């Protein structure tokens, strides 16, 4: 809800209860209190975004570790299957003793 002393910037209402009617100001030039509040709002948004990005990065690192473990397991399984296939092929290539 817009109150007396509130200003609208970039479609957002910027309210400074401490400066309502205490400091007369020009509508074109924000005073120091308004600028400080705006900077604090921007800092809060930046901190929130940084935290969200950190959480995403942590989750992606966990997923990558899991995928790497699965990949190594599959590589080992494939090597075992190749080795077994070679052994079976060697047995099939052997001539039976009665030849």
C-alpha atoms as a PDB file:
ATOM      1  CA  UNK A   1       0.000   0.000   0.000  1.00  0.00           C
ATOM      2  CA  UNK A   2       1.383   3.412  -0.942  1.00  0.00           C
ATOM      3  CA  UNK A   3       1.675   5.841   1.946  1.00  0.00           C
ATOM      4  CA  UNK A   4       2.548   9.502   2.149  1.00  0.00           C
ATOM      5  CA  UNK A   5       6.270   9.890   1.557  1.00  0.00           C
ATOM      6  CA  UNK A   6       6.604   6.714  -0.510  1.00  0.00           C
ATOM      7  CA  UNK A   7       8.179   6.968  -3.930  1.00  0.00           C
ATOM      8  CA  UNK A   8       7.822   4.763  -6.956  1.00  0.00           C
ATOM      9  CA  UNK A   9      11.011   3.714  -8.726  1.00  0.00           C
ATOM     10  CA  UNK A  10      11.089   1.262 -11.607  1.00  0.00           C
ATOM     11  CA  UNK A  11       7.550   0.107 -10.753  1.00  0.00           C
ATOM     12  CA  UNK A  12       8.550  -0.548  -7.131  1.00  0.00           C
ATOM     13  CA  UNK A  13       7.436   1.384  -4.086  1.00  0.00           C
ATOM     14  CA  UNK A  14      10.385   2.582  -2.048  1.00  0.00           C
ATOM     15  CA  UNK A  15       9.333   3.415   1.463  1.00  0.00           C
ATOM     16  CA  UNK A  16      11.512   5.077   4.042  1.00  0.00           C
ATOM     17  CA  UNK A  17       9.530   5.357   7.269  1.00  0.00           C
ATOM     18  CA  UNK A  18      12.399   7.142   9.006  1.00  0.00           C
ATOM     19  CA  UNK A  19      12.360   9.992   6.509  1.00  0.00           C
ATOM     20  CA  UNK A  20       8.589  10.495   6.096  1.00  0.00           C
ATOM     21  CA  UNK A  21       7.966  14.182   6.421  1.00  0.00           C
ATOM     22  CA  UNK A  22      11.248  14.652   8.318  1.00  0.00           C
ATOM     23  CA  UNK A  23      13.359  15.707   5.356  1.00  0.00           C
ATOM     24  CA  UNK A  24      11.725  17.668   2.569  1.00  0.00           C
ATOM     25  CA  UNK A  25      13.213  16.571  -0.745  1.00  0.00           C
ATOM     26  CA  UNK A  26      12.965  17.231  -4.410  1.00  0.00           C
ATOM     27  CA  UNK A  27      11.019  14.539  -6.312  1.00  0.00           C
ATOM     28  CA  UNK A  28      13.858  14.367  -8.847  1.00  0.00           C
ATOM     29  CA  UNK A  29      16.849  13.924  -6.539  1.00  0.00           C
ATOM     30  CA  UNK A  30      16.756  11.111  -3.976  1.00  0.00           C
ATOM     31  CA  UNK A  31      18.125  11.967  -0.566  1.00  0.00           C
ATOM     32  CA  UNK A  32      20.834   9.994   1.200  1.00  0.00           C
ATOM     33  CA  UNK A  33      18.369   7.903   3.212  1.00  0.00           C
ATOM     34  CA  UNK A  34      16.551   6.836   0.030  1.00  0.00           C
ATOM     35  CA  UNK A  35      19.813   6.014  -1.678  1.00  0.00           C
ATOM     36  CA  UNK A  36      20.946   3.993   1.326  1.00  0.00           C
ATOM     37  CA  UNK A  37      17.685   2.045   1.425  1.00  0.00           C
ATOM     38  CA  UNK A  38      17.921   1.350  -2.309  1.00  0.00           C
ATOM     39  CA  UNK A  39      21.500   0.113  -1.900  1.00  0.00           C
ATOM     40  CA  UNK A  40      20.467  -2.110   1.002  1.00  0.00           C
ATOM     41  CA  UNK A  41      17.644  -3.570  -1.096  1.00  0.00           C
ATOM     42  CA  UNK A  42      20.043  -4.257  -3.961  1.00  0.00           C
ATOM     43  CA  UNK A  43      22.567  -5.831  -1.579  1.00  0.00           C
ATOM     44  CA  UNK A  44      19.869  -8.079  -0.119  1.00  0.00           C
ATOM     45  CA  UNK A  45      18.857  -9.236  -3.606  1.00  0.00           C
ATOM     46  CA  UNK A  46      22.492  -9.892  -4.519  1.00  0.00           C
ATOM     47  CA  UNK A  47      23.021 -11.913  -1.348  1.00  0.00           C
ATOM     48  CA  UNK A  48      19.897 -13.976  -2.037  1.00  0.00           C
ATOM     49  CA  UNK A  49      20.959 -14.652  -5.622  1.00  0.00           C
ATOM     50  CA  UNK A  50      24.485 -15.574  -4.502  1.00  0.00           C
ATOM     51  CA  UNK A  51      23.082 -18.051  -1.976  1.00  0.00           C
ATOM     52  CA  UNK A  52      20.789 -19.603  -4.588  1.00  0.00           C
ATOM     53  CA  UNK A  53      23.663 -19.956  -7.047  1.00  0.00           C
ATOM     54  CA  UNK A  54      25.809 -21.528  -4.340  1.00  0.00           C
ATOM     55  CA  UNK A  55      23.086 -24.097  -3.630  1.00  0.00           C
ATOM     56  CA  UNK A  56      22.745 -24.909  -7.333  1.00  0.00           C
ATOM     57  CA  UNK A  57      26.505 -25.289  -7.670  1.00  0.00           C
ATOM     58  CA  UNK A  58      26.668 -27.593  -4.655  1.00  0.00           C
ATOM     59  CA  UNK A  59      23.863 -29.784  -6.035  1.00  0.00           C
ATOM     60  CA  UNK A  60      25.504 -29.955  -9.459  1.00  0.00           C
ATOM     61  CA  UNK A  61      28.824 -30.969  -7.869  1.00  0.00           C
ATOM     62  CA  UNK A  62      27.007 -33.771  -5.992  1.00  0.00           C
ATOM     63  CA  UNK A  63      25.346 -34.945  -9.201  1.00  0.00           C
ATOM     64  CA  UNK A  64      28.641 -34.855 -11.077  1.00  0.00           C
ATOM     65  CA  UNK A  65      30.355 -36.949  -8.390  1.00  0.00           C
ATOM     66  CA  UNK A  66      27.535 -39.482  -8.574  1.00  0.00           C
ATOM     67  CA  UNK A  67      27.705 -39.632 -12.370  1.00  0.00           C
ATOM     68  CA  UNK A  68      31.485 -40.069 -12.280  1.00  0.00           C
ATOM     69  CA  UNK A  69      31.138 -43.008  -9.874  1.00  0.00           C
ATOM     70  CA  UNK A  70      28.528 -44.584 -12.153  1.00  0.00           C
ATOM     71  CA  UNK A  71      30.739 -44.018 -15.191  1.00  0.00           C
ATOM     72  CA  UNK A  72      33.722 -45.699 -13.530  1.00  0.00           C
ATOM     73  CA  UNK A  73      31.514 -48.622 -12.528  1.00  0.00           C
ATOM     74  CA  UNK A  74      30.227 -48.990 -16.086  1.00  0.00           C
ATOM     75  CA  UNK A  75      33.758 -48.752 -17.487  1.00  0.00           C
ATOM     76  CA  UNK A  76      34.883 -51.538 -15.129  1.00  0.00           C
ATOM     77  CA  UNK A  77      31.878 -53.662 -16.080  1.00  0.00           C
ATOM     78  CA  UNK A  78      32.579 -53.157 -19.796  1.00  0.00           C
ATOM     79  CA  UNK A  79      36.241 -54.136 -19.297  1.00  0.00           C
ATOM     80  CA  UNK A  80      35.164 -57.306 -17.482  1.00  0.00           C
ATOM     81  CA  UNK A  81      32.752 -58.201 -20.284  1.00  0.00           C
ATOM     82  CA  UNK A  82      35.449 -57.621 -22.928  1.00  0.00           C
ATOM     83  CA  UNK A  83      37.938 -59.745 -21.004  1.00  0.00           C
ATOM     84  CA  UNK A  84      35.373 -62.539 -20.605  1.00  0.00           C
ATOM     85  CA  UNK A  85      34.491 -62.332 -24.293  1.00  0.00           C
ATOM     86  CA  UNK A  86      38.170 -62.681 -25.250  1.00  0.00           C
ATOM     87  CA  UNK A  87      38.554 -65.716 -22.989  1.00  0.00           C
ATOM     88  CA  UNK A  88      35.491 -67.359 -24.532  1.00  0.00           C
ATOM     89  CA  UNK A  89      36.736 -66.582 -28.018  1.00  0.00           C
ATOM     90  CA  UNK A  90      40.121 -68.149 -27.217  1.00  0.00           C
ATOM     91  CA  UNK A  91      38.392 -71.335 -26.057  1.00  0.00           C
ATOM     92  CA  UNK A  92      36.313 -71.480 -29.242  1.00  0.00           C
ATOM     93  CA  UNK A  93      39.399 -71.017 -31.406  1.00  0.00           C
ATOM     94  CA  UNK A  94      41.173 -73.955 -29.739  1.00  0.00           C
ATOM     95  CA  UNK A  95      41.067 -77.160 -31.667  1.00  0.00           C
ATOM     96  CA  UNK A  96      39.660 -80.069 -29.756  1.00  0.00           C
ATOM     97  CA  UNK A  97      42.249 -82.632 -28.609  1.00  0.00           C
ATOM     98  CA  UNK A  98      41.032 -85.351 -31.016  1.00  0.00           C
ATOM     99  CA  UNK A  99      42.106 -83.409 -34.163  1.00  0.00           C
END
